[in-house]
Each structure stands twice: as structure tokens, then as C-alpha cells.
Protein backbone atom coordinates (compact mmCIF):
# COMPACT_ATOMS: atom_id res chain seq x y z
CA UNK A 1 -5.56 25.99 -23.19
CA UNK A 2 -6.01 24.33 -20.21
CA UNK A 3 -2.63 21.88 -19.50
CA UNK A 4 -4.58 18.44 -18.26
CA UNK A 5 -2.02 18.05 -15.54
CA UNK A 6 -2.93 21.36 -14.51
CA UNK A 7 -6.79 20.55 -14.07
CA UNK A 8 -5.37 17.67 -12.32
CA UNK A 9 -3.57 19.30 -9.73
CA UNK A 10 -6.29 21.92 -9.70
CA UNK A 11 -8.89 19.57 -8.98
CA UNK A 12 -6.81 17.85 -6.54
CA UNK A 13 -5.97 21.12 -4.17
CA UNK A 14 -9.76 21.80 -4.58
CA UNK A 15 -10.64 18.59 -2.86
CA UNK A 16 -8.06 18.84 -0.24
CA UNK A 17 -9.32 22.28 0.57
CA UNK A 18 -13.02 20.89 0.76
CA UNK A 19 -11.95 17.98 2.66
CA UNK A 20 -10.10 20.59 5.45
CA UNK A 21 -13.35 22.42 5.26
CA UNK A 22 -11.20 25.72 4.71
CA UNK A 23 -12.29 28.42 1.78
CA UNK A 24 -9.95 29.84 -0.47
CA UNK A 25 -9.51 32.93 0.91
CA UNK A 26 -8.25 30.85 3.96
CA UNK A 27 -6.01 28.60 2.32
CA UNK A 28 -4.79 31.35 0.40
CA UNK A 29 -3.50 33.31 3.34
CA UNK A 30 -2.16 30.07 5.06
CA UNK A 31 -0.49 29.30 2.08
CA UNK A 32 0.69 33.16 1.45
CA UNK A 33 -0.57 33.10 -2.56
CA UNK A 34 -2.85 35.71 -3.47
CA UNK A 35 -6.58 34.26 -3.53
CA UNK A 36 -6.81 35.03 -7.56
CA UNK A 37 -3.96 32.57 -7.95
CA UNK A 38 -5.39 30.07 -5.47
CA UNK A 39 -8.94 30.52 -7.92
CA UNK A 40 -7.02 30.10 -11.04
CA UNK A 41 -4.42 27.05 -9.78
CA UNK A 42 -7.70 25.23 -8.47
CA UNK A 43 -9.54 25.63 -12.28
CA UNK A 44 -6.67 24.37 -13.56
CA UNK A 45 -5.49 27.80 -15.64
CA UNK A 46 -1.98 27.61 -14.21
CA UNK A 47 0.56 25.29 -13.75
CA UNK A 48 1.82 26.21 -10.04
CA UNK A 49 5.19 26.12 -9.18
CA UNK A 50 6.75 23.49 -6.93
CA UNK A 51 7.30 26.51 -4.63
CA UNK A 52 3.78 27.57 -4.83
CA UNK A 53 2.54 23.59 -4.21
CA UNK A 54 5.07 23.26 -1.36
CA UNK A 55 3.17 26.56 0.44
CA UNK A 56 -0.45 25.05 -0.55
CA UNK A 57 0.66 21.65 1.51
CA UNK A 58 1.67 23.29 4.30
CA UNK A 59 -1.06 25.48 4.35
CA UNK A 60 -3.27 22.65 4.08
CA UNK A 61 -1.17 20.47 6.11
CA UNK A 62 -0.58 17.66 3.71
CA UNK A 63 2.56 16.66 1.79
CA UNK A 64 3.06 18.10 -2.18
CA UNK A 65 2.64 14.52 -2.85
CA UNK A 66 -1.01 14.50 -2.28
CA UNK A 67 -1.39 16.86 -5.35
CA UNK A 68 -0.36 14.00 -7.83
CA UNK A 69 -2.44 11.22 -6.59
CA UNK A 70 -4.66 9.59 -8.92
CA UNK A 71 -7.56 10.08 -6.99
CA UNK A 72 -9.68 11.94 -9.48
CA UNK A 73 -9.57 8.53 -11.61
CA UNK A 74 -10.26 6.03 -8.99
CA UNK A 75 -13.45 4.46 -9.29
CA UNK A 76 -13.22 1.81 -6.65
CA UNK A 77 -16.21 2.19 -4.75
CA UNK A 78 -18.57 -0.75 -3.13
CA UNK A 79 -21.93 -0.74 -1.33
CA UNK A 80 -23.05 -3.80 0.00
CA UNK A 81 -26.88 -3.96 1.65
CA UNK A 82 -27.14 -5.15 4.77
CA UNK A 83 -27.60 -9.05 4.63
CA UNK A 84 -26.07 -8.94 0.96
CA UNK A 85 -22.33 -9.74 1.56
CA UNK A 86 -20.93 -12.52 -0.13
CA UNK A 87 -20.40 -15.79 2.02
CA UNK A 88 -17.32 -17.10 1.30
CA UNK A 89 -15.36 -20.47 1.98
CA UNK A 90 -11.89 -19.30 3.10
CA UNK A 91 -8.87 -21.76 2.81
CA UNK A 92 -8.24 -23.01 6.05
CA UNK A 93 -11.38 -21.38 7.61
CA UNK A 94 -12.15 -22.99 10.94
CA UNK A 95 -15.77 -24.73 11.00
CA UNK A 96 -18.32 -22.78 12.05
CA UNK A 97 -17.06 -19.99 11.31
CA UNK A 98 -18.68 -18.15 8.62
CA UNK A 99 -17.20 -15.26 6.77
CA UNK A 100 -19.28 -12.48 4.79
CA UNK A 101 -17.68 -10.10 2.83
CA UNK A 102 -18.45 -7.09 2.80
CA UNK A 103 -16.49 -5.03 0.03
CA UNK A 104 -13.71 -5.47 -1.91
CA UNK A 105 -11.15 -2.91 -3.78
CA UNK A 106 -9.92 -4.00 -7.25
CA UNK A 107 -6.70 -1.32 -7.68
CA UNK A 108 -4.17 0.18 -5.35
CA UNK A 109 -1.14 -1.58 -3.43
CA UNK A 110 -3.79 -1.64 -0.63
CA UNK A 111 -5.40 -5.00 -0.27
CA UNK A 112 -8.67 -4.61 2.53
CA UNK A 113 -10.68 -7.05 3.37
CA UNK A 114 -13.87 -6.54 5.48
CA UNK A 115 -15.58 -9.62 6.97
CA UNK A 116 -18.81 -9.86 9.40
CA UNK A 117 -17.87 -13.08 10.94
CA UNK A 118 -20.53 -14.81 12.81
CA UNK A 119 -19.36 -18.29 15.20
CA UNK A 120 -22.43 -20.71 14.36
CA UNK A 121 -23.78 -22.95 17.38
CA UNK A 122 -21.02 -25.44 16.58
CA UNK A 123 -18.21 -23.23 16.77
CA UNK A 124 -15.30 -23.85 19.35
CA UNK A 125 -12.36 -21.78 20.44
CA UNK A 126 -9.30 -21.37 17.56
CA UNK A 127 -6.24 -19.76 18.59
CA UNK A 128 -3.98 -20.64 16.09
CA UNK A 129 -4.73 -17.82 13.41
CA UNK A 130 -1.41 -16.55 11.83
CA UNK A 131 -1.42 -14.85 8.31
CA UNK A 132 0.33 -11.35 6.66
CA UNK A 133 -1.01 -7.84 7.59
CA UNK A 134 -2.88 -5.61 10.09
CA UNK A 135 -6.19 -6.93 11.66
CA UNK A 136 -8.88 -4.72 13.05
CA UNK A 137 -11.30 -6.46 15.38
CA UNK A 138 -14.82 -5.18 16.39
CA UNK A 139 -16.98 -7.12 18.27
CA UNK A 140 -20.95 -6.91 17.91
CA UNK A 141 -21.82 -9.20 19.93
CA UNK A 142 -20.95 -12.07 22.68
CA UNK A 143 -18.23 -12.04 25.25
CA UNK A 144 -14.78 -13.90 24.36
CA UNK A 145 -11.42 -14.41 25.76
CA UNK A 146 -9.36 -13.35 22.75
CA UNK A 147 -5.54 -14.68 22.70
CA UNK A 148 -2.62 -12.86 21.16
CA UNK A 149 0.61 -14.06 20.85
CA UNK A 150 0.71 -15.06 25.02
CA UNK A 151 -1.62 -12.23 25.99
CA UNK A 152 -5.50 -12.96 26.62
CA UNK A 153 -7.83 -10.37 26.95
CA UNK A 154 -11.70 -10.33 27.55
CA UNK A 155 -13.85 -8.66 24.77
CA UNK A 156 -17.16 -8.05 24.35
CA UNK A 157 -19.92 -6.27 22.47
CA UNK A 158 -18.48 -2.83 21.64
CA UNK A 159 -14.58 -3.53 22.11
CA UNK A 160 -11.92 -3.29 19.29
CA UNK A 161 -8.46 -4.78 19.12
CA UNK A 162 -5.78 -3.73 16.86
CA UNK A 163 -2.83 -5.82 15.82
CA UNK A 164 -0.30 -7.76 13.73
CA UNK A 165 -1.58 -10.54 12.59
CA UNK A 166 1.98 -12.47 11.82
CA UNK A 167 1.49 -13.26 15.68
CA UNK A 168 -0.50 -16.75 16.45
CA UNK A 169 -3.97 -14.82 17.60
CA UNK A 170 -7.89 -16.19 17.93
CA UNK A 171 -10.62 -16.61 20.24
CA UNK A 172 -9.72 -18.93 23.27
CA UNK A 173 -12.72 -19.58 25.08
CA UNK A 174 -16.57 -18.47 24.21
CA UNK A 175 -18.04 -17.17 27.34
CA UNK A 176 -21.26 -15.90 25.80
CA UNK A 177 -22.76 -16.57 22.17
CA UNK A 178 -23.90 -15.60 19.79
CA UNK A 179 -20.34 -13.94 18.95
CA UNK A 180 -19.85 -11.64 15.96
CA UNK A 181 -16.96 -9.27 14.88
CA UNK A 182 -16.29 -6.97 12.24
CA UNK A 183 -13.34 -8.38 11.22
CA UNK A 184 -10.66 -6.45 9.21
CA UNK A 185 -7.29 -7.52 7.24
CA UNK A 186 -5.04 -4.63 5.71
CA UNK A 187 -2.28 -6.16 3.48
CA UNK A 188 0.24 -4.87 0.99
CA UNK A 189 -0.60 -6.78 -2.80
CA UNK A 190 2.50 -7.74 -4.35
């Protein structure tokens, strides 16, 4: 009889092997186990020992803890068609900064907020954004001076920024519009 935990571990081993684009024979060789044993593990027919899991993890270049993740049960998936993101009124949002939410996840300990930010014609520079988490910005159009703490950089279409969002930050000057950028904030859930 197949064990549910052995089946989960086997599915995770197979998924990681396929993601790494490694054949079963190659992984068996890299891990120092037989191809038949790897096949039985991936099909959930045997419960591998801790030593065998360590060998497989080394062969795949991942921590052994990856075999125990709940990824097989995760169902979070979000597809937002072009122009159909949810326009949100963010608390403390600056006037004429339009935020279109492009996705969301409902579970896990990482909170991710991806927005398409568009500065409308009346938008003014604003340099006092400050919040927890990491922020990634990818500029789609326009040219601006962007302030992060005491540092100012010139950015335009195709440029990106990534930083700790706990420091004061924001657009200090708009050189050329229209300005739009992808903003993704990563924070840990409490």
C-alpha cells in the first residue's frame, strides 16, 4: 500500500528533478543511488531514508527540507488579463497616482503586492513613501529622479530599482511623462 507521505515526497522529488531538467539516470548517478530506487521513490512506492533524501538533495542542489514542502497542495494562482487589474484606493495614496493591483496570493507567509502605477497628468513628485518590506520597481515609461533616503538616481523606461522600503523613498522630480512603472512589495505576514 502506498503511503501518502511517501507519495508526496516522491512527487516533490520528481517535480524538482524535472524543474532542474535532469533525467532520472543523471540524478541517480549524481546522488549515488540506483535508477530503480529513484523510480520507486518518485512513484511513492518506498519511503526513502533520511540519508537517501540528503543524497537526492545534494544531487539536485536544494536543501532536503524542499521535499517536505506543501507545494503539491498549493492552489494559489492568479491570472489578470491586460487592463483588468483592480484599481485600488490605497490608504495614504498620493493624489493622481493610480494603482492597479495585478495579482494576489491568499496563503503562505510571504505577502506580495504587484501594482501597475500610473502617474496621471496632475501627479506631483512625492518622496515620503515609507513602509515595511522590500520593494522592486520596473519603469515602463517616462523619466524621473527617484529618491531613496539621501540618494537620488535618474531612471527611465527599462530601468529597475530594488530596496528596503523602510527608508523614505519616492519620485523627487518628473523629467518626462507619461510615467508608469511596475511596483512589487514583498512583506512577511505576521
